[in-house]
């Protein structure tokens, strides 16, 4: 499992996790598409924003390996702003590659692309 050095481990001041420390000995948690309802709490929406901003700052429009990125946090963006890159895609593989759908991400989280923002 690749560890993305420099990637934030969590949303500051919260328990929203962005990365995992070590691989799960039982296998990687699968990435699934989680439905985002309009009534989600503000802290949940802020965690999505910060996570997407961190993804963009670290990887930009290039494909990236899942590695130690948290499957739960990826699942909130998967199928919309973050898409599978490999075909076939294995949602339970730490080496699976993903890519940011820039158009969808900019539409859903325009603040994540602000040049002056500090994440």
PDB file of N, CA and C in Angstrom:
ATOM      1  N   UNK A   1       0.859  -1.182   0.000  1.00  0.00           N
ATOM      2  CA  UNK A   1       0.000   0.000   0.000  1.00  0.00           C
ATOM      3  C   UNK A   1       0.895   1.231   0.000  1.00  0.00           C
ATOM      4  N   UNK A   2       0.707   2.069  -1.004  1.00  0.00           N
ATOM      5  CA  UNK A   2       1.451   3.314  -1.084  1.00  0.00           C
ATOM      6  C   UNK A   2       0.908   4.290  -0.041  1.00  0.00           C
ATOM      7  N   UNK A   3       1.820   4.994   0.623  1.00  0.00           N
ATOM      8  CA  UNK A   3       1.416   6.038   1.569  1.00  0.00           C
ATOM      9  C   UNK A   3       1.647   7.377   0.888  1.00  0.00           C
ATOM     10  N   UNK A   4       0.614   8.174   0.820  1.00  0.00           N
ATOM     11  CA  UNK A   4       0.694   9.476   0.170  1.00  0.00           C
ATOM     12  C   UNK A   4       1.276  10.480   1.160  1.00  0.00           C
ATOM     13  N   UNK A   5       2.582  10.654   1.109  1.00  0.00           N
ATOM     14  CA  UNK A   5       3.279  11.576   2.001  1.00  0.00           C
ATOM     15  C   UNK A   5       2.821  13.003   1.735  1.00  0.00           C
ATOM     16  N   UNK A   6       2.599  13.745   2.796  1.00  0.00           N
ATOM     17  CA  UNK A   6       2.171  15.131   2.667  1.00  0.00           C
ATOM     18  C   UNK A   6       0.666  15.305   2.582  1.00  0.00           C
ATOM     19  N   UNK A   7      -0.064  14.210   2.426  1.00  0.00           N
ATOM     20  CA  UNK A   7      -1.522  14.289   2.369  1.00  0.00           C
ATOM     21  C   UNK A   7      -2.043  14.427   3.794  1.00  0.00           C
ATOM     22  N   UNK A   8      -2.986  15.341   4.054  1.00  0.00           N
ATOM     23  CA  UNK A   8      -3.486  15.504   5.422  1.00  0.00           C
ATOM     24  C   UNK A   8      -4.147  14.229   5.934  1.00  0.00           C
ATOM     25  N   UNK A   9      -3.885  13.893   7.183  1.00  0.00           N
ATOM     26  CA  UNK A   9      -4.428  12.681   7.773  1.00  0.00           C
ATOM     27  C   UNK A   9      -5.891  12.792   8.150  1.00  0.00           C
ATOM     28  N   UNK A  10      -6.321  14.023   8.434  1.00  0.00           N
ATOM     29  CA  UNK A  10      -7.712  14.239   8.835  1.00  0.00           C
ATOM     30  C   UNK A  10      -8.057  15.716   8.666  1.00  0.00           C
ATOM     31  N   UNK A  11      -9.341  16.010   8.778  1.00  0.00           N
ATOM     32  CA  UNK A  11      -9.794  17.399   8.758  1.00  0.00           C
ATOM     33  C   UNK A  11      -9.412  18.023  10.090  1.00  0.00           C
ATOM     34  N   UNK A  12      -8.657  19.117  10.089  1.00  0.00           N
ATOM     35  CA  UNK A  12      -8.209  19.721  11.347  1.00  0.00           C
ATOM     36  C   UNK A  12      -9.366  20.003  12.307  1.00  0.00           C
ATOM     37  N   UNK A  13      -9.157  19.649  13.560  1.00  0.00           N
ATOM     38  CA  UNK A  13     -10.138  19.920  14.605  1.00  0.00           C
ATOM     39  C   UNK A  13     -11.312  18.960  14.640  1.00  0.00           C
ATOM     40  N   UNK A  14     -11.248  17.880  13.850  1.00  0.00           N
ATOM     41  CA  UNK A  14     -12.357  16.918  13.805  1.00  0.00           C
ATOM     42  C   UNK A  14     -11.814  15.495  13.830  1.00  0.00           C
ATOM     43  N   UNK A  15     -12.726  14.547  13.841  1.00  0.00           N
ATOM     44  CA  UNK A  15     -12.352  13.137  13.720  1.00  0.00           C
ATOM     45  C   UNK A  15     -12.584  12.604  12.318  1.00  0.00           C
ATOM     46  N   UNK A  16     -12.777  13.486  11.335  1.00  0.00           N
ATOM     47  CA  UNK A  16     -12.963  13.043   9.955  1.00  0.00           C
ATOM     48  C   UNK A  16     -11.621  12.621   9.383  1.00  0.00           C
ATOM     49  N   UNK A  17     -11.462  11.339   9.166  1.00  0.00           N
ATOM     50  CA  UNK A  17     -10.211  10.735   8.725  1.00  0.00           C
ATOM     51  C   UNK A  17     -10.081  10.817   7.212  1.00  0.00           C
ATOM     52  N   UNK A  18      -8.869  11.151   6.728  1.00  0.00           N
ATOM     53  CA  UNK A  18      -8.579  11.206   5.297  1.00  0.00           C
ATOM     54  C   UNK A  18      -7.668  10.063   4.854  1.00  0.00           C
ATOM     55  N   UNK A  19      -6.825   9.568   5.759  1.00  0.00           N
ATOM     56  CA  UNK A  19      -5.906   8.484   5.419  1.00  0.00           C
ATOM     57  C   UNK A  19      -5.949   7.407   6.500  1.00  0.00           C
ATOM     58  N   UNK A  20      -5.448   6.229   6.149  1.00  0.00           N
ATOM     59  CA  UNK A  20      -5.307   5.139   7.117  1.00  0.00           C
ATOM     60  C   UNK A  20      -3.816   4.923   7.357  1.00  0.00           C
ATOM     61  N   UNK A  21      -3.482   4.438   8.530  1.00  0.00           N
ATOM     62  CA  UNK A  21      -2.070   4.280   8.887  1.00  0.00           C
ATOM     63  C   UNK A  21      -1.442   3.030   8.305  1.00  0.00           C
ATOM     64  N   UNK A  22      -2.216   1.950   8.268  1.00  0.00           N
ATOM     65  CA  UNK A  22      -1.668   0.679   7.805  1.00  0.00           C
ATOM     66  C   UNK A  22      -2.747  -0.087   7.051  1.00  0.00           C
ATOM     67  N   UNK A  23      -2.315  -1.010   6.192  1.00  0.00           N
ATOM     68  CA  UNK A  23      -3.303  -1.807   5.453  1.00  0.00           C
ATOM     69  C   UNK A  23      -4.095  -2.717   6.392  1.00  0.00           C
ATOM     70  N   UNK A  24      -5.327  -2.950   6.057  1.00  0.00           N
ATOM     71  CA  UNK A  24      -6.173  -3.850   6.814  1.00  0.00           C
ATOM     72  C   UNK A  24      -5.727  -5.281   6.514  1.00  0.00           C
ATOM     73  N   UNK A  25      -5.382  -6.060   7.536  1.00  0.00           N
ATOM     74  CA  UNK A  25      -4.922  -7.427   7.273  1.00  0.00           C
ATOM     75  C   UNK A  25      -5.997  -8.317   6.642  1.00  0.00           C
ATOM     76  N   UNK A  26      -7.262  -7.939   6.773  1.00  0.00           N
ATOM     77  CA  UNK A  26      -8.358  -8.708   6.178  1.00  0.00           C
ATOM     78  C   UNK A  26      -8.653  -8.267   4.749  1.00  0.00           C
ATOM     79  N   UNK A  27      -7.922  -7.291   4.266  1.00  0.00           N
ATOM     80  CA  UNK A  27      -8.149  -6.764   2.922  1.00  0.00           C
ATOM     81  C   UNK A  27      -8.689  -5.351   2.970  1.00  0.00           C
ATOM     82  N   UNK A  28      -8.521  -4.647   1.886  1.00  0.00           N
ATOM     83  CA  UNK A  28      -8.943  -3.249   1.809  1.00  0.00           C
ATOM     84  C   UNK A  28     -10.458  -3.123   1.892  1.00  0.00           C
ATOM     85  N   UNK A  29     -10.899  -2.100   2.572  1.00  0.00           N
ATOM     86  CA  UNK A  29     -12.326  -1.780   2.614  1.00  0.00           C
ATOM     87  C   UNK A  29     -12.746  -1.345   1.215  1.00  0.00           C
ATOM     88  N   UNK A  30     -13.824  -1.898   0.678  1.00  0.00           N
ATOM     89  CA  UNK A  30     -14.223  -1.526  -0.689  1.00  0.00           C
ATOM     90  C   UNK A  30     -14.712  -0.077  -0.764  1.00  0.00           C
ATOM     91  N   UNK A  31     -14.421   0.546  -1.886  1.00  0.00           N
ATOM     92  CA  UNK A  31     -14.936   1.888  -2.174  1.00  0.00           C
ATOM     93  C   UNK A  31     -16.303   1.694  -2.821  1.00  0.00           C
ATOM     94  N   UNK A  32     -17.305   2.354  -2.278  1.00  0.00           N
ATOM     95  CA  UNK A  32     -18.661   2.282  -2.822  1.00  0.00           C
ATOM     96  C   UNK A  32     -19.157   3.700  -3.066  1.00  0.00           C
ATOM     97  N   UNK A  33     -20.207   3.822  -3.830  1.00  0.00           N
ATOM     98  CA  UNK A  33     -20.810   5.143  -4.022  1.00  0.00           C
ATOM     99  C   UNK A  33     -21.831   5.372  -2.912  1.00  0.00           C
ATOM    100  N   UNK A  34     -21.575   6.367  -2.073  1.00  0.00           N
ATOM    101  CA  UNK A  34     -22.507   6.721  -1.007  1.00  0.00           C
ATOM    102  C   UNK A  34     -23.353   7.894  -1.470  1.00  0.00           C
ATOM    103  N   UNK A  35     -24.618   7.819  -1.163  1.00  0.00           N
ATOM    104  CA  UNK A  35     -25.542   8.879  -1.567  1.00  0.00           C
ATOM    105  C   UNK A  35     -25.383  10.082  -0.645  1.00  0.00           C
ATOM    106  N   UNK A  36     -25.246  11.261  -1.248  1.00  0.00           N
ATOM    107  CA  UNK A  36     -25.158  12.503  -0.469  1.00  0.00           C
ATOM    108  C   UNK A  36     -26.515  13.195  -0.528  1.00  0.00           C
ATOM    109  N   UNK A  37     -27.199  13.205   0.595  1.00  0.00           N
ATOM    110  CA  UNK A  37     -28.507  13.846   0.661  1.00  0.00           C
ATOM    111  C   UNK A  37     -28.354  15.325   0.999  1.00  0.00           C
ATOM    112  N   UNK A  38     -29.366  16.109   0.624  1.00  0.00           N
ATOM    113  CA  UNK A  38     -29.323  17.552   0.847  1.00  0.00           C
ATOM    114  C   UNK A  38     -29.240  17.932   2.316  1.00  0.00           C
ATOM    115  N   UNK A  39     -29.748  17.075   3.197  1.00  0.00           N
ATOM    116  CA  UNK A  39     -29.791  17.425   4.612  1.00  0.00           C
ATOM    117  C   UNK A  39     -28.548  16.971   5.385  1.00  0.00           C
ATOM    118  N   UNK A  40     -27.440  16.674   4.675  1.00  0.00           N
ATOM    119  CA  UNK A  40     -26.204  16.308   5.385  1.00  0.00           C
ATOM    120  C   UNK A  40     -25.737  17.457   6.255  1.00  0.00           C
ATOM    121  N   UNK A  41     -25.128  17.108   7.355  1.00  0.00           N
ATOM    122  CA  UNK A  41     -24.647  18.120   8.292  1.00  0.00           C
ATOM    123  C   UNK A  41     -23.525  18.949   7.666  1.00  0.00           C
ATOM    124  N   UNK A  42     -23.418  20.179   8.097  1.00  0.00           N
ATOM    125  CA  UNK A  42     -22.385  21.083   7.578  1.00  0.00           C
ATOM    126  C   UNK A  42     -20.977  20.520   7.776  1.00  0.00           C
ATOM    127  N   UNK A  43     -20.650  19.922   8.930  1.00  0.00           N
ATOM    128  CA  UNK A  43     -19.297  19.363   9.069  1.00  0.00           C
ATOM    129  C   UNK A  43     -18.999  18.247   8.066  1.00  0.00           C
ATOM    130  N   UNK A  44     -19.996  17.452   7.720  1.00  0.00           N
ATOM    131  CA  UNK A  44     -19.806  16.401   6.715  1.00  0.00           C
ATOM    132  C   UNK A  44     -19.510  17.009   5.347  1.00  0.00           C
ATOM    133  N   UNK A  45     -20.243  18.041   4.995  1.00  0.00           N
ATOM    134  CA  UNK A  45     -20.019  18.712   3.710  1.00  0.00           C
ATOM    135  C   UNK A  45     -18.641  19.383   3.680  1.00  0.00           C
ATOM    136  N   UNK A  46     -18.229  19.957   4.815  1.00  0.00           N
ATOM    137  CA  UNK A  46     -16.921  20.603   4.893  1.00  0.00           C
ATOM    138  C   UNK A  46     -15.805  19.562   4.745  1.00  0.00           C
ATOM    139  N   UNK A  47     -15.991  18.379   5.327  1.00  0.00           N
ATOM    140  CA  UNK A  47     -15.001  17.311   5.183  1.00  0.00           C
ATOM    141  C   UNK A  47     -14.865  16.891   3.717  1.00  0.00           C
ATOM    142  N   UNK A  48     -15.977  16.800   3.007  1.00  0.00           N
ATOM    143  CA  UNK A  48     -15.930  16.478   1.576  1.00  0.00           C
ATOM    144  C   UNK A  48     -15.143  17.542   0.811  1.00  0.00           C
ATOM    145  N   UNK A  49     -15.416  18.800   1.111  1.00  0.00           N
ATOM    146  CA  UNK A  49     -14.736  19.913   0.452  1.00  0.00           C
ATOM    147  C   UNK A  49     -13.236  19.852   0.700  1.00  0.00           C
ATOM    148  N   UNK A  50     -12.840  19.715   1.946  1.00  0.00           N
ATOM    149  CA  UNK A  50     -11.416  19.678   2.296  1.00  0.00           C
ATOM    150  C   UNK A  50     -10.726  18.470   1.669  1.00  0.00           C
ATOM    151  N   UNK A  51     -11.401  17.326   1.678  1.00  0.00           N
ATOM    152  CA  UNK A  51     -10.806  16.115   1.108  1.00  0.00           C
ATOM    153  C   UNK A  51     -10.599  16.289  -0.392  1.00  0.00           C
ATOM    154  N   UNK A  52     -11.598  16.808  -1.085  1.00  0.00           N
ATOM    155  CA  UNK A  52     -11.453  17.029  -2.520  1.00  0.00           C
ATOM    156  C   UNK A  52     -10.351  18.048  -2.803  1.00  0.00           C
ATOM    157  N   UNK A  53     -10.283  19.105  -2.003  1.00  0.00           N
ATOM    158  CA  UNK A  53      -9.228  20.102  -2.183  1.00  0.00           C
ATOM    159  C   UNK A  53      -7.849  19.463  -1.997  1.00  0.00           C
ATOM    160  N   UNK A  54      -7.708  18.591  -1.010  1.00  0.00           N
ATOM    161  CA  UNK A  54      -6.434  17.904  -0.781  1.00  0.00           C
ATOM    162  C   UNK A  54      -6.110  16.976  -1.946  1.00  0.00           C
ATOM    163  N   UNK A  55      -7.111  16.281  -2.463  1.00  0.00           N
ATOM    164  CA  UNK A  55      -6.891  15.429  -3.634  1.00  0.00           C
ATOM    165  C   UNK A  55      -6.388  16.261  -4.811  1.00  0.00           C
ATOM    166  N   UNK A  56      -7.043  17.379  -5.061  1.00  0.00           N
ATOM    167  CA  UNK A  56      -6.676  18.222  -6.195  1.00  0.00           C
ATOM    168  C   UNK A  56      -5.267  18.794  -6.015  1.00  0.00           C
ATOM    169  N   UNK A  57      -4.947  19.259  -4.808  1.00  0.00           N
ATOM    170  CA  UNK A  57      -3.617  19.829  -4.567  1.00  0.00           C
ATOM    171  C   UNK A  57      -2.525  18.777  -4.697  1.00  0.00           C
ATOM    172  N   UNK A  58      -2.820  17.540  -4.342  1.00  0.00           N
ATOM    173  CA  UNK A  58      -1.811  16.491  -4.395  1.00  0.00           C
ATOM    174  C   UNK A  58      -1.702  15.813  -5.754  1.00  0.00           C
ATOM    175  N   UNK A  59      -2.815  15.674  -6.460  1.00  0.00           N
ATOM    176  CA  UNK A  59      -2.809  14.884  -7.699  1.00  0.00           C
ATOM    177  C   UNK A  59      -3.238  15.657  -8.937  1.00  0.00           C
ATOM    178  N   UNK A  60      -4.006  16.731  -8.762  1.00  0.00           N
ATOM    179  CA  UNK A  60      -4.479  17.483  -9.917  1.00  0.00           C
ATOM    180  C   UNK A  60      -5.283  16.607 -10.856  1.00  0.00           C
ATOM    181  N   UNK A  61      -5.152  16.820 -12.167  1.00  0.00           N
ATOM    182  CA  UNK A  61      -5.944  16.057 -13.138  1.00  0.00           C
ATOM    183  C   UNK A  61      -5.353  14.679 -13.464  1.00  0.00           C
ATOM    184  N   UNK A  62      -4.263  14.299 -12.812  1.00  0.00           N
ATOM    185  CA  UNK A  62      -3.595  13.028 -13.098  1.00  0.00           C
ATOM    186  C   UNK A  62      -4.226  11.869 -12.325  1.00  0.00           C
ATOM    187  N   UNK A  63      -4.170  10.656 -12.863  1.00  0.00           N
ATOM    188  CA  UNK A  63      -4.645   9.486 -12.124  1.00  0.00           C
ATOM    189  C   UNK A  63      -3.769   9.264 -10.887  1.00  0.00           C
ATOM    190  N   UNK A  64      -4.365   8.697  -9.845  1.00  0.00           N
ATOM    191  CA  UNK A  64      -3.622   8.450  -8.615  1.00  0.00           C
ATOM    192  C   UNK A  64      -4.039   7.105  -8.033  1.00  0.00           C
ATOM    193  N   UNK A  65      -3.114   6.515  -7.287  1.00  0.00           N
ATOM    194  CA  UNK A  65      -3.363   5.230  -6.645  1.00  0.00           C
ATOM    195  C   UNK A  65      -4.106   5.457  -5.336  1.00  0.00           C
ATOM    196  N   UNK A  66      -5.044   4.583  -5.041  1.00  0.00           N
ATOM    197  CA  UNK A  66      -5.819   4.688  -3.804  1.00  0.00           C
ATOM    198  C   UNK A  66      -4.905   4.683  -2.582  1.00  0.00           C
ATOM    199  N   UNK A  67      -4.009   3.732  -2.501  1.00  0.00           N
ATOM    200  CA  UNK A  67      -3.050   3.675  -1.407  1.00  0.00           C
ATOM    201  C   UNK A  67      -3.691   3.779  -0.039  1.00  0.00           C
ATOM    202  N   UNK A  68      -3.185   4.699   0.780  1.00  0.00           N
ATOM    203  CA  UNK A  68      -3.675   4.840   2.150  1.00  0.00           C
ATOM    204  C   UNK A  68      -4.822   5.834   2.292  1.00  0.00           C
ATOM    205  N   UNK A  69      -5.442   6.241   1.193  1.00  0.00           N
ATOM    206  CA  UNK A  69      -6.594   7.143   1.283  1.00  0.00           C
ATOM    207  C   UNK A  69      -7.784   6.389   1.874  1.00  0.00           C
ATOM    208  N   UNK A  70      -8.502   7.029   2.757  1.00  0.00           N
ATOM    209  CA  UNK A  70      -9.603   6.396   3.473  1.00  0.00           C
ATOM    210  C   UNK A  70     -10.757   6.053   2.526  1.00  0.00           C
ATOM    211  N   UNK A  71     -11.161   4.778   2.527  1.00  0.00           N
ATOM    212  CA  UNK A  71     -12.231   4.310   1.642  1.00  0.00           C
ATOM    213  C   UNK A  71     -13.558   4.979   1.970  1.00  0.00           C
ATOM    214  N   UNK A  72     -13.827   5.191   3.244  1.00  0.00           N
ATOM    215  CA  UNK A  72     -15.079   5.842   3.628  1.00  0.00           C
ATOM    216  C   UNK A  72     -15.175   7.246   3.077  1.00  0.00           C
ATOM    217  N   UNK A  73     -14.095   8.006   3.177  1.00  0.00           N
ATOM    218  CA  UNK A  73     -14.093   9.383   2.676  1.00  0.00           C
ATOM    219  C   UNK A  73     -14.146   9.392   1.156  1.00  0.00           C
ATOM    220  N   UNK A  74     -13.415   8.480   0.508  1.00  0.00           N
ATOM    221  CA  UNK A  74     -13.473   8.389  -0.961  1.00  0.00           C
ATOM    222  C   UNK A  74     -14.876   8.041  -1.435  1.00  0.00           C
ATOM    223  N   UNK A  75     -15.580   7.213  -0.656  1.00  0.00           N
ATOM    224  CA  UNK A  75     -16.911   6.753  -1.058  1.00  0.00           C
ATOM    225  C   UNK A  75     -17.911   7.890  -1.163  1.00  0.00           C
ATOM    226  N   UNK A  76     -17.710   8.957  -0.388  1.00  0.00           N
ATOM    227  CA  UNK A  76     -18.636  10.097  -0.479  1.00  0.00           C
ATOM    228  C   UNK A  76     -18.487  10.843  -1.805  1.00  0.00           C
ATOM    229  N   UNK A  77     -17.323  10.714  -2.454  1.00  0.00           N
ATOM    230  CA  UNK A  77     -17.071  11.401  -3.723  1.00  0.00           C
ATOM    231  C   UNK A  77     -17.097  10.452  -4.922  1.00  0.00           C
ATOM    232  N   UNK A  78     -17.008   9.146  -4.665  1.00  0.00           N
ATOM    233  CA  UNK A  78     -16.860   8.146  -5.719  1.00  0.00           C
ATOM    234  C   UNK A  78     -18.096   8.100  -6.626  1.00  0.00           C
ATOM    235  N   UNK A  79     -17.831   8.031  -7.910  1.00  0.00           N
ATOM    236  CA  UNK A  79     -18.904   7.948  -8.897  1.00  0.00           C
ATOM    237  C   UNK A  79     -19.405   9.304  -9.340  1.00  0.00           C
ATOM    238  N   UNK A  80     -18.922  10.357  -8.711  1.00  0.00           N
ATOM    239  CA  UNK A  80     -19.305  11.721  -9.082  1.00  0.00           C
ATOM    240  C   UNK A  80     -18.039  12.533  -9.364  1.00  0.00           C
ATOM    241  N   UNK A  81     -17.381  12.996  -8.298  1.00  0.00           N
ATOM    242  CA  UNK A  81     -16.178  13.821  -8.453  1.00  0.00           C
ATOM    243  C   UNK A  81     -14.914  12.979  -8.605  1.00  0.00           C
ATOM    244  N   UNK A  82     -14.913  11.781  -8.083  1.00  0.00           N
ATOM    245  CA  UNK A  82     -13.783  10.857  -8.201  1.00  0.00           C
ATOM    246  C   UNK A  82     -14.272   9.608  -8.924  1.00  0.00           C
ATOM    247  N   UNK A  83     -13.580   9.266 -10.006  1.00  0.00           N
ATOM    248  CA  UNK A  83     -14.004   8.153 -10.860  1.00  0.00           C
ATOM    249  C   UNK A  83     -12.918   7.086 -10.928  1.00  0.00           C
ATOM    250  N   UNK A  84     -13.318   5.844 -11.221  1.00  0.00           N
ATOM    251  CA  UNK A  84     -12.302   4.811 -11.440  1.00  0.00           C
ATOM    252  C   UNK A  84     -11.523   5.125 -12.712  1.00  0.00           C
ATOM    253  N   UNK A  85     -10.235   4.850 -12.679  1.00  0.00           N
ATOM    254  CA  UNK A  85      -9.396   5.091 -13.852  1.00  0.00           C
ATOM    255  C   UNK A  85      -9.129   3.797 -14.611  1.00  0.00           C
ATOM    256  N   UNK A  86      -8.946   2.724 -13.872  1.00  0.00           N
ATOM    257  CA  UNK A  86      -8.646   1.439 -14.492  1.00  0.00           C
ATOM    258  C   UNK A  86      -9.926   0.712 -14.882  1.00  0.00           C
ATOM    259  N   UNK A  87      -9.821  -0.085 -15.951  1.00  0.00           N
ATOM    260  CA  UNK A  87     -10.936  -0.927 -16.357  1.00  0.00           C
ATOM    261  C   UNK A  87     -10.386  -2.324 -16.582  1.00  0.00           C
ATOM    262  N   UNK A  88     -10.718  -3.301 -15.810  1.00  0.00           N
ATOM    263  CA  UNK A  88     -11.723  -3.275 -14.751  1.00  0.00           C
ATOM    264  C   UNK A  88     -11.186  -2.639 -13.473  1.00  0.00           C
ATOM    265  N   UNK A  89     -12.083  -2.073 -12.705  1.00  0.00           N
ATOM    266  CA  UNK A  89     -11.739  -1.405 -11.455  1.00  0.00           C
ATOM    267  C   UNK A  89     -12.053  -2.333 -10.292  1.00  0.00           C
ATOM    268  N   UNK A  90     -11.092  -2.521  -9.410  1.00  0.00           N
ATOM    269  CA  UNK A  90     -11.302  -3.345  -8.222  1.00  0.00           C
ATOM    270  C   UNK A  90     -11.435  -2.424  -7.015  1.00  0.00           C
ATOM    271  N   UNK A  91     -12.639  -2.269  -6.467  1.00  0.00           N
ATOM    272  CA  UNK A  91     -12.850  -1.340  -5.348  1.00  0.00           C
ATOM    273  C   UNK A  91     -12.203  -1.801  -4.046  1.00  0.00           C
ATOM    274  N   UNK A  92     -11.664  -3.038  -4.015  1.00  0.00           N
ATOM    275  CA  UNK A  92     -11.033  -3.571  -2.811  1.00  0.00           C
ATOM    276  C   UNK A  92      -9.511  -3.650  -2.933  1.00  0.00           C
ATOM    277  N   UNK A  93      -8.940  -2.946  -3.894  1.00  0.00           N
ATOM    278  CA  UNK A  93      -7.500  -3.019  -4.144  1.00  0.00           C
ATOM    279  C   UNK A  93      -6.832  -1.700  -3.757  1.00  0.00           C
ATOM    280  N   UNK A  94      -5.810  -1.787  -2.907  1.00  0.00           N
ATOM    281  CA  UNK A  94      -5.063  -0.583  -2.519  1.00  0.00           C
ATOM    282  C   UNK A  94      -4.322   0.025  -3.705  1.00  0.00           C
ATOM    283  N   UNK A  95      -4.074  -0.765  -4.748  1.00  0.00           N
ATOM    284  CA  UNK A  95      -3.367  -0.264  -5.923  1.00  0.00           C
ATOM    285  C   UNK A  95      -4.307   0.241  -7.022  1.00  0.00           C
ATOM    286  N   UNK A  96      -5.611   0.196  -6.782  1.00  0.00           N
ATOM    287  CA  UNK A  96      -6.580   0.689  -7.767  1.00  0.00           C
ATOM    288  C   UNK A  96      -6.324   2.171  -8.026  1.00  0.00           C
ATOM    289  N   UNK A  97      -6.465   2.560  -9.277  1.00  0.00           N
ATOM    290  CA  UNK A  97      -6.229   3.968  -9.623  1.00  0.00           C
ATOM    291  C   UNK A  97      -7.549   4.692  -9.840  1.00  0.00           C
ATOM    292  N   UNK A  98      -7.537   5.945  -9.410  1.00  0.00           N
ATOM    293  CA  UNK A  98      -8.700   6.828  -9.499  1.00  0.00           C
ATOM    294  C   UNK A  98      -8.285   8.098 -10.213  1.00  0.00           C
ATOM    295  N   UNK A  99      -9.282   8.893 -10.606  1.00  0.00           N
ATOM    296  CA  UNK A  99      -9.012  10.186 -11.229  1.00  0.00           C
ATOM    297  C   UNK A  99     -10.127  11.144 -10.841  1.00  0.00           C
ATOM    298  N   UNK A 100      -9.795  12.407 -10.718  1.00  0.00           N
ATOM    299  CA  UNK A 100     -10.794  13.431 -10.395  1.00  0.00           C
ATOM    300  C   UNK A 100     -11.478  13.861 -11.681  1.00  0.00           C
ATOM    301  N   UNK A 101     -12.803  13.863 -11.676  1.00  0.00           N
ATOM    302  CA  UNK A 101     -13.586  14.417 -12.779  1.00  0.00           C
ATOM    303  C   UNK A 101     -13.648  15.921 -12.515  1.00  0.00           C
ATOM    304  N   UNK A 102     -12.743  16.649 -13.129  1.00  0.00           N
ATOM    305  CA  UNK A 102     -12.591  18.069 -12.815  1.00  0.00           C
ATOM    306  C   UNK A 102     -13.869  18.863 -13.035  1.00  0.00           C
ATOM    307  N   UNK A 103     -14.577  18.587 -14.104  1.00  0.00           N
ATOM    308  CA  UNK A 103     -15.806  19.330 -14.396  1.00  0.00           C
ATOM    309  C   UNK A 103     -16.852  19.114 -13.293  1.00  0.00           C
ATOM    310  N   UNK A 104     -17.070  17.872 -12.911  1.00  0.00           N
ATOM    311  CA  UNK A 104     -18.038  17.554 -11.854  1.00  0.00           C
ATOM    312  C   UNK A 104     -17.574  18.107 -10.508  1.00  0.00           C
ATOM    313  N   UNK A 105     -16.271  18.016 -10.243  1.00  0.00           N
ATOM    314  CA  UNK A 105     -15.731  18.500  -8.965  1.00  0.00           C
ATOM    315  C   UNK A 105     -15.856  20.014  -8.856  1.00  0.00           C
ATOM    316  N   UNK A 106     -15.565  20.720  -9.939  1.00  0.00           N
ATOM    317  CA  UNK A 106     -15.693  22.190  -9.912  1.00  0.00           C
ATOM    318  C   UNK A 106     -17.149  22.616  -9.746  1.00  0.00           C
ATOM    319  N   UNK A 107     -18.062  21.863 -10.315  1.00  0.00           N
ATOM    320  CA  UNK A 107     -19.485  22.193 -10.180  1.00  0.00           C
ATOM    321  C   UNK A 107     -19.976  21.951  -8.752  1.00  0.00           C
ATOM    322  N   UNK A 108     -19.533  20.869  -8.132  1.00  0.00           N
ATOM    323  CA  UNK A 108     -20.008  20.515  -6.795  1.00  0.00           C
ATOM    324  C   UNK A 108     -19.267  21.255  -5.687  1.00  0.00           C
ATOM    325  N   UNK A 109     -17.969  21.482  -5.861  1.00  0.00           N
ATOM    326  CA  UNK A 109     -17.131  22.087  -4.823  1.00  0.00           C
ATOM    327  C   UNK A 109     -16.216  23.152  -5.422  1.00  0.00           C
ATOM    328  N   UNK A 110     -16.760  24.267  -5.903  1.00  0.00           N
ATOM    329  CA  UNK A 110     -15.907  25.275  -6.542  1.00  0.00           C
ATOM    330  C   UNK A 110     -14.839  25.840  -5.601  1.00  0.00           C
ATOM    331  N   UNK A 111     -15.119  25.873  -4.296  1.00  0.00           N
ATOM    332  CA  UNK A 111     -14.158  26.424  -3.335  1.00  0.00           C
ATOM    333  C   UNK A 111     -12.893  25.574  -3.253  1.00  0.00           C
ATOM    334  N   UNK A 112     -12.981  24.307  -3.598  1.00  0.00           N
ATOM    335  CA  UNK A 112     -11.824  23.418  -3.528  1.00  0.00           C
ATOM    336  C   UNK A 112     -10.740  23.803  -4.533  1.00  0.00           C
ATOM    337  N   UNK A 113     -11.101  24.614  -5.513  1.00  0.00           N
ATOM    338  CA  UNK A 113     -10.152  24.993  -6.561  1.00  0.00           C
ATOM    339  C   UNK A 113      -9.660  26.433  -6.422  1.00  0.00           C
ATOM    340  N   UNK A 114     -10.028  27.101  -5.334  1.00  0.00           N
ATOM    341  CA  UNK A 114      -9.561  28.473  -5.097  1.00  0.00           C
ATOM    342  C   UNK A 114      -8.058  28.467  -4.910  1.00  0.00           C
ATOM    343  N   UNK A 115      -7.367  29.275  -5.676  1.00  0.00           N
ATOM    344  CA  UNK A 115      -5.894  29.320  -5.617  1.00  0.00           C
ATOM    345  C   UNK A 115      -5.387  29.823  -4.273  1.00  0.00           C
ATOM    346  N   UNK A 116      -6.065  30.793  -3.674  1.00  0.00           N
ATOM    347  CA  UNK A 116      -5.592  31.397  -2.440  1.00  0.00           C
ATOM    348  C   UNK A 116      -6.005  30.648  -1.178  1.00  0.00           C
ATOM    349  N   UNK A 117      -6.800  29.619  -1.314  1.00  0.00           N
ATOM    350  CA  UNK A 117      -7.285  28.895  -0.133  1.00  0.00           C
ATOM    351  C   UNK A 117      -6.148  28.116   0.503  1.00  0.00           C
ATOM    352  N   UNK A 118      -6.148  28.075   1.817  1.00  0.00           N
ATOM    353  CA  UNK A 118      -5.160  27.282   2.542  1.00  0.00           C
ATOM    354  C   UNK A 118      -5.875  26.109   3.170  1.00  0.00           C
ATOM    355  N   UNK A 119      -5.462  24.960   2.806  1.00  0.00           N
ATOM    356  CA  UNK A 119      -6.098  23.751   3.309  1.00  0.00           C
ATOM    357  C   UNK A 119      -5.158  23.133   4.267  1.00  0.00           C
TER     358      UNK A 119
END
